[in-house]
Protein backbone atom coordinates (compact mmCIF):
# COMPACT_ATOMS: atom_id res chain seq x y z
CA MET A 1 -36.48 69.94 0.02
CA THR A 2 -35.07 73.42 0.56
CA ALA A 3 -32.42 75.24 -1.70
CA THR A 4 -29.82 74.23 0.62
CA GLU A 5 -30.59 70.31 0.89
CA ARG A 6 -28.81 67.93 -1.06
CA PRO A 7 -30.93 65.35 -2.94
CA GLN A 8 -30.36 61.61 -1.79
CA THR A 9 -27.82 59.85 -3.49
CA PRO A 10 -29.46 56.26 -4.55
CA THR A 11 -27.46 53.14 -3.41
CA PHE A 12 -25.88 51.20 -6.00
CA ARG A 13 -28.51 48.45 -5.63
CA GLU A 14 -31.22 50.92 -6.32
CA ALA A 15 -29.33 52.30 -9.67
CA PHE A 16 -28.85 48.93 -10.97
CA LYS A 17 -32.49 47.90 -10.78
CA PHE A 18 -33.49 51.03 -12.21
CA TRP A 19 -31.11 50.88 -15.39
CA LEU A 20 -31.94 46.94 -15.81
CA LYS A 21 -35.64 47.91 -15.83
CA LEU A 22 -35.11 50.41 -18.13
CA GLY A 23 -33.09 47.94 -20.45
CA PHE A 24 -35.69 45.45 -20.51
CA ILE A 25 -38.39 47.92 -21.39
CA SER A 26 -36.37 49.77 -24.02
CA PHE A 27 -37.93 48.53 -27.03
CA GLY A 28 -39.38 51.96 -28.02
CA GLY A 29 -35.72 53.23 -28.48
CA PRO A 30 -34.65 56.36 -27.32
CA ALA A 31 -38.00 58.12 -27.08
CA GLY A 32 -39.23 55.29 -24.97
CA GLN A 33 -36.43 55.37 -22.68
CA ILE A 34 -36.60 59.01 -22.36
CA ALA A 35 -40.28 58.86 -21.47
CA VAL A 36 -39.68 56.24 -18.77
CA MET A 37 -36.77 57.99 -17.15
CA HIS A 38 -38.70 61.12 -16.90
CA GLN A 39 -41.63 59.51 -15.26
CA GLU A 40 -39.56 57.30 -13.04
CA LEU A 41 -37.03 60.04 -11.97
CA VAL A 42 -38.95 63.40 -12.32
CA ASP A 43 -42.57 62.19 -11.32
CA THR A 44 -42.09 59.44 -8.94
CA HIS A 45 -38.68 60.62 -7.17
């Protein structure tokens, strides 16, 4: 992606699935949630 391109906006379904997944595996508290979000949003996407 170049500096002038906009990132692709996720659909509502994609966003909902991600937050549902995060909610089910959030037993590690905030540190666990941050780690999951970083892995999914930074490393994967």
